[in-house]
Amino acid sequence: MMGKKKLREDFSAGSHGSSLGGGPLAVTAVLATLETLLEGCLMEHVTKLGIYAL
């Protein structure tokens, strides 16, 4: 779990969750986002803009 040390100490693995965290809509949205990031040449575009900005 990522978070501040106090929060990590208070939550053990599996002690918290979400009723919609693994639902079909959320998973479909994540898959579409990953597809866009991986196949959409996003990193090339960001690299070009970064060079331009510097």
N, C-alpha and C. Protein backbone atom coordinates (compact mmCIF):
# COMPACT_ATOMS: atom_id res chain seq x y z
N MET A 1 0.84 -1.17 0.00
CA MET A 1 0.00 0.00 0.00
C MET A 1 0.89 1.23 0.00
N MET A 2 0.51 2.20 -0.82
CA MET A 2 1.24 3.45 -0.86
C MET A 2 0.53 4.46 0.03
N GLY A 3 1.29 5.27 0.72
CA GLY A 3 0.71 6.30 1.56
C GLY A 3 1.68 6.68 2.66
N LYS A 4 1.23 7.57 3.49
CA LYS A 4 2.06 8.01 4.61
C LYS A 4 2.28 6.84 5.57
N LYS A 5 3.39 6.89 6.28
CA LYS A 5 3.78 5.79 7.17
C LYS A 5 2.66 5.45 8.15
N LYS A 6 2.04 6.45 8.75
CA LYS A 6 0.97 6.22 9.72
C LYS A 6 -0.18 5.44 9.09
N LEU A 7 -0.56 5.79 7.87
CA LEU A 7 -1.65 5.08 7.20
C LEU A 7 -1.26 3.66 6.87
N ARG A 8 -0.02 3.46 6.41
CA ARG A 8 0.44 2.11 6.09
C ARG A 8 0.44 1.22 7.33
N GLU A 9 0.77 1.80 8.48
CA GLU A 9 0.80 1.03 9.72
C GLU A 9 -0.61 0.66 10.19
N ASP A 10 -1.58 1.53 9.95
CA ASP A 10 -2.94 1.30 10.42
C ASP A 10 -3.72 0.31 9.56
N PHE A 11 -3.33 0.13 8.31
CA PHE A 11 -4.02 -0.78 7.41
C PHE A 11 -3.13 -1.98 7.10
N SER A 12 -3.65 -3.15 7.37
CA SER A 12 -2.91 -4.35 6.96
C SER A 12 -3.47 -4.83 5.62
N ALA A 13 -2.72 -5.67 4.95
CA ALA A 13 -3.15 -6.18 3.64
C ALA A 13 -4.53 -6.83 3.76
N GLY A 14 -5.45 -6.41 2.90
CA GLY A 14 -6.79 -6.97 2.88
C GLY A 14 -7.75 -6.39 3.89
N SER A 15 -7.32 -5.42 4.69
CA SER A 15 -8.20 -4.87 5.72
C SER A 15 -9.09 -3.74 5.21
N HIS A 16 -8.88 -3.33 4.00
CA HIS A 16 -9.70 -2.27 3.43
C HIS A 16 -9.98 -2.60 1.96
N GLY A 17 -10.93 -1.95 1.40
CA GLY A 17 -11.24 -2.23 0.00
C GLY A 17 -12.34 -1.33 -0.51
N SER A 18 -12.83 -1.68 -1.65
CA SER A 18 -13.86 -0.90 -2.30
C SER A 18 -14.89 -1.84 -2.90
N SER A 19 -16.13 -1.47 -2.82
CA SER A 19 -17.17 -2.33 -3.38
C SER A 19 -17.16 -2.30 -4.91
N LEU A 20 -16.55 -1.27 -5.49
CA LEU A 20 -16.53 -1.16 -6.95
C LEU A 20 -15.12 -1.26 -7.53
N GLY A 21 -14.13 -1.51 -6.69
CA GLY A 21 -12.75 -1.49 -7.13
C GLY A 21 -12.42 -2.43 -8.27
N GLY A 22 -13.05 -3.58 -8.35
CA GLY A 22 -12.74 -4.54 -9.40
C GLY A 22 -13.92 -4.80 -10.32
N GLY A 23 -14.86 -3.88 -10.32
CA GLY A 23 -16.06 -4.06 -11.13
C GLY A 23 -15.76 -3.96 -12.62
N PRO A 24 -16.67 -4.47 -13.44
CA PRO A 24 -16.46 -4.48 -14.89
C PRO A 24 -16.23 -3.10 -15.50
N LEU A 25 -16.94 -2.09 -15.03
CA LEU A 25 -16.77 -0.75 -15.59
C LEU A 25 -15.39 -0.20 -15.27
N ALA A 26 -14.95 -0.36 -14.02
CA ALA A 26 -13.63 0.13 -13.62
C ALA A 26 -12.53 -0.59 -14.39
N VAL A 27 -12.65 -1.90 -14.54
CA VAL A 27 -11.64 -2.67 -15.26
C VAL A 27 -11.61 -2.27 -16.73
N THR A 28 -12.77 -2.07 -17.34
CA THR A 28 -12.83 -1.65 -18.73
C THR A 28 -12.18 -0.29 -18.92
N ALA A 29 -12.41 0.62 -17.98
CA ALA A 29 -11.80 1.95 -18.06
C ALA A 29 -10.28 1.86 -17.94
N VAL A 30 -9.80 1.03 -17.04
CA VAL A 30 -8.35 0.86 -16.87
C VAL A 30 -7.73 0.27 -18.13
N LEU A 31 -8.37 -0.74 -18.69
CA LEU A 31 -7.83 -1.36 -19.91
C LEU A 31 -7.79 -0.37 -21.07
N ALA A 32 -8.82 0.45 -21.22
CA ALA A 32 -8.84 1.45 -22.28
C ALA A 32 -7.75 2.49 -22.06
N THR A 33 -7.55 2.89 -20.83
CA THR A 33 -6.49 3.86 -20.51
C THR A 33 -5.12 3.29 -20.83
N LEU A 34 -4.88 2.04 -20.41
CA LEU A 34 -3.58 1.42 -20.69
C LEU A 34 -3.35 1.26 -22.18
N GLU A 35 -4.39 0.89 -22.92
CA GLU A 35 -4.26 0.75 -24.37
C GLU A 35 -3.88 2.09 -25.00
N THR A 36 -4.51 3.16 -24.56
CA THR A 36 -4.20 4.49 -25.07
C THR A 36 -2.76 4.87 -24.75
N LEU A 37 -2.33 4.60 -23.54
CA LEU A 37 -0.97 4.96 -23.13
C LEU A 37 0.07 4.15 -23.90
N LEU A 38 -0.19 2.86 -24.09
CA LEU A 38 0.81 1.98 -24.69
C LEU A 38 0.83 2.04 -26.21
N GLU A 39 -0.32 2.22 -26.83
CA GLU A 39 -0.39 2.18 -28.29
C GLU A 39 -0.55 3.55 -28.93
N GLY A 40 -0.77 4.56 -28.14
CA GLY A 40 -1.04 5.88 -28.69
C GLY A 40 0.18 6.77 -28.84
N CYS A 41 1.36 6.21 -28.69
CA CYS A 41 2.61 6.97 -28.84
C CYS A 41 2.67 8.14 -27.86
N LEU A 42 2.06 7.98 -26.71
CA LEU A 42 2.03 9.06 -25.74
C LEU A 42 3.44 9.44 -25.29
N MET A 43 4.27 8.45 -25.00
CA MET A 43 5.62 8.75 -24.51
C MET A 43 6.44 9.51 -25.55
N GLU A 44 6.29 9.15 -26.82
CA GLU A 44 7.01 9.89 -27.87
C GLU A 44 6.56 11.35 -27.88
N HIS A 45 5.27 11.57 -27.76
CA HIS A 45 4.74 12.93 -27.76
C HIS A 45 5.24 13.72 -26.55
N VAL A 46 5.23 13.09 -25.39
CA VAL A 46 5.69 13.75 -24.16
C VAL A 46 7.17 14.08 -24.27
N THR A 47 7.95 13.16 -24.84
CA THR A 47 9.38 13.40 -25.02
C THR A 47 9.63 14.61 -25.92
N LYS A 48 8.90 14.69 -27.03
CA LYS A 48 9.04 15.81 -27.96
C LYS A 48 8.67 17.13 -27.27
N LEU A 49 7.58 17.11 -26.53
CA LEU A 49 7.18 18.34 -25.83
C LEU A 49 8.17 18.72 -24.75
N GLY A 50 8.73 17.71 -24.09
CA GLY A 50 9.73 17.98 -23.05
C GLY A 50 10.97 18.63 -23.62
N ILE A 51 11.43 18.13 -24.76
CA ILE A 51 12.61 18.71 -25.41
C ILE A 51 12.30 20.15 -25.83
N TYR A 52 11.10 20.36 -26.37
CA TYR A 52 10.69 21.70 -26.80
C TYR A 52 10.64 22.65 -25.61
N ALA A 53 10.12 22.17 -24.48
CA ALA A 53 9.97 23.03 -23.29
C ALA A 53 11.30 23.42 -22.68
N LEU A 54 12.30 22.56 -22.86
CA LEU A 54 13.60 22.86 -22.27
C LEU A 54 14.31 23.87 -23.13
